[in-house]
PDB file of N, CA and C in Angstrom:
ATOM      1  N   UNK A   1       0.842  -1.180   0.000  1.00  0.00           N
ATOM      2  CA  UNK A   1       0.000   0.000   0.000  1.00  0.00           C
ATOM      3  C   UNK A   1       0.886   1.242   0.000  1.00  0.00           C
ATOM      4  N   UNK A   2       0.580   2.205  -0.850  1.00  0.00           N
ATOM      5  CA  UNK A   2       1.371   3.427  -0.936  1.00  0.00           C
ATOM      6  C   UNK A   2       0.818   4.542  -0.062  1.00  0.00           C
ATOM      7  N   UNK A   3      -0.373   4.369   0.462  1.00  0.00           N
ATOM      8  CA  UNK A   3      -0.967   5.392   1.323  1.00  0.00           C
ATOM      9  C   UNK A   3      -1.590   6.535   0.539  1.00  0.00           C
ATOM     10  N   UNK A   4      -1.882   6.327  -0.749  1.00  0.00           N
ATOM     11  CA  UNK A   4      -2.496   7.371  -1.551  1.00  0.00           C
ATOM     12  C   UNK A   4      -3.950   7.529  -1.171  1.00  0.00           C
ATOM     13  N   UNK A   5      -4.460   8.738  -1.361  1.00  0.00           N
ATOM     14  CA  UNK A   5      -5.830   9.065  -0.971  1.00  0.00           C
ATOM     15  C   UNK A   5      -6.508   9.771  -2.142  1.00  0.00           C
ATOM     16  N   UNK A   6      -7.729   9.389  -2.461  1.00  0.00           N
ATOM     17  CA  UNK A   6      -8.469  10.051  -3.525  1.00  0.00           C
ATOM     18  C   UNK A   6      -9.045  11.360  -3.005  1.00  0.00           C
ATOM     19  N   UNK A   7      -8.965  12.400  -3.849  1.00  0.00           N
ATOM     20  CA  UNK A   7      -9.471  13.723  -3.481  1.00  0.00           C
ATOM     21  C   UNK A   7     -10.383  14.196  -4.605  1.00  0.00           C
ATOM     22  N   UNK A   8     -11.555  14.687  -4.253  1.00  0.00           N
ATOM     23  CA  UNK A   8     -12.491  15.213  -5.244  1.00  0.00           C
ATOM     24  C   UNK A   8     -11.945  16.522  -5.817  1.00  0.00           C
ATOM     25  N   UNK A   9     -12.294  16.802  -7.068  1.00  0.00           N
ATOM     26  CA  UNK A   9     -11.819  18.014  -7.729  1.00  0.00           C
ATOM     27  C   UNK A   9     -12.243  19.266  -6.962  1.00  0.00           C
ATOM     28  N   UNK A  10     -13.438  19.278  -6.429  1.00  0.00           N
ATOM     29  CA  UNK A  10     -13.922  20.434  -5.659  1.00  0.00           C
ATOM     30  C   UNK A  10     -13.066  20.642  -4.418  1.00  0.00           C
ATOM     31  N   UNK A  11     -12.710  19.561  -3.722  1.00  0.00           N
ATOM     32  CA  UNK A  11     -11.867  19.676  -2.536  1.00  0.00           C
ATOM     33  C   UNK A  11     -10.473  20.169  -2.905  1.00  0.00           C
ATOM     34  N   UNK A  12      -9.939  19.698  -4.035  1.00  0.00           N
ATOM     35  CA  UNK A  12      -8.627  20.148  -4.481  1.00  0.00           C
ATOM     36  C   UNK A  12      -8.637  21.636  -4.797  1.00  0.00           C
ATOM     37  N   UNK A  13      -9.658  22.106  -5.511  1.00  0.00           N
ATOM     38  CA  UNK A  13      -9.769  23.533  -5.813  1.00  0.00           C
ATOM     39  C   UNK A  13      -9.931  24.360  -4.547  1.00  0.00           C
ATOM     40  N   UNK A  14     -10.696  23.852  -3.584  1.00  0.00           N
ATOM     41  CA  UNK A  14     -10.870  24.558  -2.320  1.00  0.00           C
ATOM     42  C   UNK A  14      -9.537  24.707  -1.596  1.00  0.00           C
ATOM     43  N   UNK A  15      -8.741  23.664  -1.575  1.00  0.00           N
ATOM     44  CA  UNK A  15      -7.427  23.722  -0.922  1.00  0.00           C
ATOM     45  C   UNK A  15      -6.491  24.683  -1.639  1.00  0.00           C
ATOM     46  N   UNK A  16      -6.493  24.650  -2.982  1.00  0.00           N
ATOM     47  CA  UNK A  16      -5.618  25.542  -3.750  1.00  0.00           C
ATOM     48  C   UNK A  16      -6.005  27.002  -3.560  1.00  0.00           C
ATOM     49  N   UNK A  17      -7.311  27.294  -3.607  1.00  0.00           N
ATOM     50  CA  UNK A  17      -7.755  28.674  -3.469  1.00  0.00           C
ATOM     51  C   UNK A  17      -7.593  29.196  -2.050  1.00  0.00           C
ATOM     52  N   UNK A  18      -7.616  28.322  -1.063  1.00  0.00           N
ATOM     53  CA  UNK A  18      -7.432  28.751   0.327  1.00  0.00           C
ATOM     54  C   UNK A  18      -6.019  29.283   0.543  1.00  0.00           C
ATOM     55  N   UNK A  19      -5.025  28.669  -0.084  1.00  0.00           N
ATOM     56  CA  UNK A  19      -3.652  29.105   0.099  1.00  0.00           C
ATOM     57  C   UNK A  19      -3.062  29.783  -1.113  1.00  0.00           C
ATOM     58  N   UNK A  20      -3.617  29.520  -2.288  1.00  0.00           N
ATOM     59  CA  UNK A  20      -3.097  30.088  -3.521  1.00  0.00           C
ATOM     60  C   UNK A  20      -2.057  29.166  -4.140  1.00  0.00           C
ATOM     61  N   UNK A  21      -1.834  29.349  -5.417  1.00  0.00           N
ATOM     62  CA  UNK A  21      -0.856  28.535  -6.131  1.00  0.00           C
ATOM     63  C   UNK A  21      -0.261  29.384  -7.247  1.00  0.00           C
ATOM     64  N   UNK A  22       1.012  29.169  -7.524  1.00  0.00           N
ATOM     65  CA  UNK A  22       1.704  29.846  -8.616  1.00  0.00           C
ATOM     66  C   UNK A  22       2.178  28.787  -9.597  1.00  0.00           C
ATOM     67  N   UNK A  23       1.841  28.969 -10.861  1.00  0.00           N
ATOM     68  CA  UNK A  23       2.279  28.063 -11.911  1.00  0.00           C
ATOM     69  C   UNK A  23       3.229  28.805 -12.840  1.00  0.00           C
ATOM     70  N   UNK A  24       4.322  28.172 -13.208  1.00  0.00           N
ATOM     71  CA  UNK A  24       5.276  28.785 -14.129  1.00  0.00           C
ATOM     72  C   UNK A  24       5.884  27.695 -14.991  1.00  0.00           C
ATOM     73  N   UNK A  25       6.162  28.033 -16.243  1.00  0.00           N
ATOM     74  CA  UNK A  25       6.773  27.052 -17.119  1.00  0.00           C
ATOM     75  C   UNK A  25       7.272  27.687 -18.399  1.00  0.00           C
ATOM     76  N   UNK A  26       8.177  27.009 -19.061  1.00  0.00           N
ATOM     77  CA  UNK A  26       8.739  27.451 -20.333  1.00  0.00           C
ATOM     78  C   UNK A  26       8.632  26.305 -21.331  1.00  0.00           C
ATOM     79  N   UNK A  27       8.208  26.622 -22.545  1.00  0.00           N
ATOM     80  CA  UNK A  27       8.139  25.640 -23.623  1.00  0.00           C
ATOM     81  C   UNK A  27       8.922  26.204 -24.795  1.00  0.00           C
ATOM     82  N   UNK A  28       9.868  25.426 -25.322  1.00  0.00           N
ATOM     83  CA  UNK A  28      10.658  25.865 -26.466  1.00  0.00           C
ATOM     84  C   UNK A  28      10.637  24.782 -27.536  1.00  0.00           C
ATOM     85  N   UNK A  29      10.241  25.168 -28.752  1.00  0.00           N
ATOM     86  CA  UNK A  29      10.292  24.267 -29.893  1.00  0.00           C
ATOM     87  C   UNK A  29      11.579  24.570 -30.645  1.00  0.00           C
ATOM     88  N   UNK A  30      12.452  23.575 -30.739  1.00  0.00           N
ATOM     89  CA  UNK A  30      13.782  23.777 -31.298  1.00  0.00           C
ATOM     90  C   UNK A  30      14.064  22.699 -32.339  1.00  0.00           C
ATOM     91  N   UNK A  31      14.584  23.118 -33.492  1.00  0.00           N
ATOM     92  CA  UNK A  31      15.011  22.183 -34.530  1.00  0.00           C
ATOM     93  C   UNK A  31      16.432  22.559 -34.929  1.00  0.00           C
ATOM     94  N   UNK A  32      17.343  21.586 -34.878  1.00  0.00           N
ATOM     95  CA  UNK A  32      18.757  21.773 -35.252  1.00  0.00           C
ATOM     96  C   UNK A  32      19.378  22.947 -34.494  1.00  0.00           C
ATOM     97  N   UNK A  33      19.141  22.982 -33.193  1.00  0.00           N
ATOM     98  CA  UNK A  33      19.674  24.030 -32.314  1.00  0.00           C
ATOM     99  C   UNK A  33      19.220  25.440 -32.689  1.00  0.00           C
ATOM    100  N   UNK A  34      18.076  25.555 -33.350  1.00  0.00           N
ATOM    101  CA  UNK A  34      17.492  26.859 -33.674  1.00  0.00           C
ATOM    102  C   UNK A  34      16.141  26.940 -32.979  1.00  0.00           C
ATOM    103  N   UNK A  35      15.981  27.932 -32.098  1.00  0.00           N
ATOM    104  CA  UNK A  35      14.710  28.129 -31.405  1.00  0.00           C
ATOM    105  C   UNK A  35      13.682  28.693 -32.386  1.00  0.00           C
ATOM    106  N   UNK A  36      12.607  27.930 -32.606  1.00  0.00           N
ATOM    107  CA  UNK A  36      11.555  28.389 -33.511  1.00  0.00           C
ATOM    108  C   UNK A  36      10.414  29.049 -32.761  1.00  0.00           C
ATOM    109  N   UNK A  37      10.002  28.465 -31.646  1.00  0.00           N
ATOM    110  CA  UNK A  37       8.896  28.997 -30.850  1.00  0.00           C
ATOM    111  C   UNK A  37       9.271  28.897 -29.387  1.00  0.00           C
ATOM    112  N   UNK A  38       9.043  29.974 -28.646  1.00  0.00           N
ATOM    113  CA  UNK A  38       9.259  29.956 -27.196  1.00  0.00           C
ATOM    114  C   UNK A  38       8.034  30.550 -26.514  1.00  0.00           C
ATOM    115  N   UNK A  39       7.531  29.833 -25.527  1.00  0.00           N
ATOM    116  CA  UNK A  39       6.355  30.277 -24.778  1.00  0.00           C
ATOM    117  C   UNK A  39       6.705  30.278 -23.294  1.00  0.00           C
ATOM    118  N   UNK A  40       6.490  31.401 -22.635  1.00  0.00           N
ATOM    119  CA  UNK A  40       6.671  31.516 -21.188  1.00  0.00           C
ATOM    120  C   UNK A  40       5.288  31.597 -20.553  1.00  0.00           C
ATOM    121  N   UNK A  41       5.020  30.696 -19.619  1.00  0.00           N
ATOM    122  CA  UNK A  41       3.716  30.653 -18.957  1.00  0.00           C
ATOM    123  C   UNK A  41       3.871  31.002 -17.486  1.00  0.00           C
ATOM    124  N   UNK A  42       3.036  31.921 -17.016  1.00  0.00           N
ATOM    125  CA  UNK A  42       3.027  32.275 -15.599  1.00  0.00           C
ATOM    126  C   UNK A  42       1.591  32.547 -15.188  1.00  0.00           C
ATOM    127  N   UNK A  43       1.173  31.978 -14.072  1.00  0.00           N
ATOM    128  CA  UNK A  43      -0.196  32.183 -13.591  1.00  0.00           C
ATOM    129  C   UNK A  43      -0.200  32.178 -12.067  1.00  0.00           C
ATOM    130  N   UNK A  44      -1.009  33.032 -11.490  1.00  0.00           N
ATOM    131  CA  UNK A  44      -1.224  33.095 -10.046  1.00  0.00           C
ATOM    132  C   UNK A  44      -2.706  32.855  -9.809  1.00  0.00           C
ATOM    133  N   UNK A  45      -3.017  31.839  -9.021  1.00  0.00           N
ATOM    134  CA  UNK A  45      -4.405  31.518  -8.706  1.00  0.00           C
ATOM    135  C   UNK A  45      -4.583  31.689  -7.205  1.00  0.00           C
ATOM    136  N   UNK A  46      -5.503  32.563  -6.830  1.00  0.00           N
ATOM    137  CA  UNK A  46      -5.723  32.831  -5.414  1.00  0.00           C
ATOM    138  C   UNK A  46      -7.163  33.266  -5.207  1.00  0.00           C
ATOM    139  N   UNK A  47      -7.643  33.093  -3.998  1.00  0.00           N
ATOM    140  CA  UNK A  47      -8.988  33.555  -3.682  1.00  0.00           C
ATOM    141  C   UNK A  47      -8.948  35.038  -3.331  1.00  0.00           C
ATOM    142  N   UNK A  48     -10.096  35.683  -3.415  1.00  0.00           N
ATOM    143  CA  UNK A  48     -10.217  37.094  -3.065  1.00  0.00           C
ATOM    144  C   UNK A  48     -11.239  37.191  -1.942  1.00  0.00           C
ATOM    145  N   UNK A  49     -10.856  37.857  -0.864  1.00  0.00           N
ATOM    146  CA  UNK A  49     -11.777  38.054   0.250  1.00  0.00           C
ATOM    147  C   UNK A  49     -11.537  39.437   0.849  1.00  0.00           C
ATOM    148  N   UNK A  50     -12.114  39.712   1.998  1.00  0.00           N
ATOM    149  CA  UNK A  50     -11.961  41.033   2.614  1.00  0.00           C
ATOM    150  C   UNK A  50     -10.518  41.339   2.979  1.00  0.00           C
ATOM    151  N   UNK A  51      -9.743  40.328   3.352  1.00  0.00           N
ATOM    152  CA  UNK A  51      -8.340  40.542   3.704  1.00  0.00           C
ATOM    153  C   UNK A  51      -7.496  40.842   2.467  1.00  0.00           C
ATOM    154  N   UNK A  52      -7.890  40.271   1.329  1.00  0.00           N
ATOM    155  CA  UNK A  52      -7.193  40.503   0.065  1.00  0.00           C
ATOM    156  C   UNK A  52      -8.232  40.980  -0.943  1.00  0.00           C
ATOM    157  N   UNK A  53      -8.433  42.286  -1.040  1.00  0.00           N
ATOM    158  CA  UNK A  53      -9.493  42.792  -1.915  1.00  0.00           C
ATOM    159  C   UNK A  53      -9.151  42.592  -3.398  1.00  0.00           C
ATOM    160  N   UNK A  54     -10.180  42.646  -4.221  1.00  0.00           N
ATOM    161  CA  UNK A  54     -10.012  42.502  -5.656  1.00  0.00           C
ATOM    162  C   UNK A  54      -9.255  43.702  -6.215  1.00  0.00           C
ATOM    163  N   UNK A  55      -8.352  43.489  -7.180  1.00  0.00           N
ATOM    164  CA  UNK A  55      -7.629  44.620  -7.769  1.00  0.00           C
ATOM    165  C   UNK A  55      -8.497  45.416  -8.750  1.00  0.00           C
ATOM    166  N   UNK A  56      -9.669  44.898  -9.135  1.00  0.00           N
ATOM    167  CA  UNK A  56     -10.545  45.571 -10.073  1.00  0.00           C
ATOM    168  C   UNK A  56     -11.567  46.395  -9.319  1.00  0.00           C
ATOM    169  N   UNK A  57     -11.944  47.528  -9.913  1.00  0.00           N
ATOM    170  CA  UNK A  57     -12.932  48.414  -9.288  1.00  0.00           C
ATOM    171  C   UNK A  57     -14.292  47.742  -9.259  1.00  0.00           C
ATOM    172  N   UNK A  58     -15.014  47.980  -8.165  1.00  0.00           N
ATOM    173  CA  UNK A  58     -16.364  47.442  -8.011  1.00  0.00           C
ATOM    174  C   UNK A  58     -17.332  48.346  -8.791  1.00  0.00           C
ATOM    175  N   UNK A  59     -18.211  47.747  -9.588  1.00  0.00           N
ATOM    176  CA  UNK A  59     -19.219  48.482 -10.336  1.00  0.00           C
ATOM    177  C   UNK A  59     -20.531  48.354  -9.573  1.00  0.00           C
ATOM    178  N   UNK A  60     -21.151  49.483  -9.285  1.00  0.00           N
ATOM    179  CA  UNK A  60     -22.420  49.475  -8.536  1.00  0.00           C
ATOM    180  C   UNK A  60     -23.518  48.905  -9.424  1.00  0.00           C
ATOM    181  N   UNK A  61     -24.377  48.037  -8.876  1.00  0.00           N
ATOM    182  CA  UNK A  61     -25.472  47.456  -9.682  1.00  0.00           C
ATOM    183  C   UNK A  61     -26.534  48.455 -10.052  1.00  0.00           C
TER     184      UNK A  61
END
């Protein structure tokens, strides 16, 4: 037994948003030592609450 535990997708998202997560990565397509395409990926996923307000202005209904 490896001690692995199944986690529902909703529970995983709840855990990630409670603490936040940063994703970063680089993808390079190269042929014969020549870089043809390079993609840099960066993302910050976090929840917004009263302690951490939204960076966007609130629009009154």
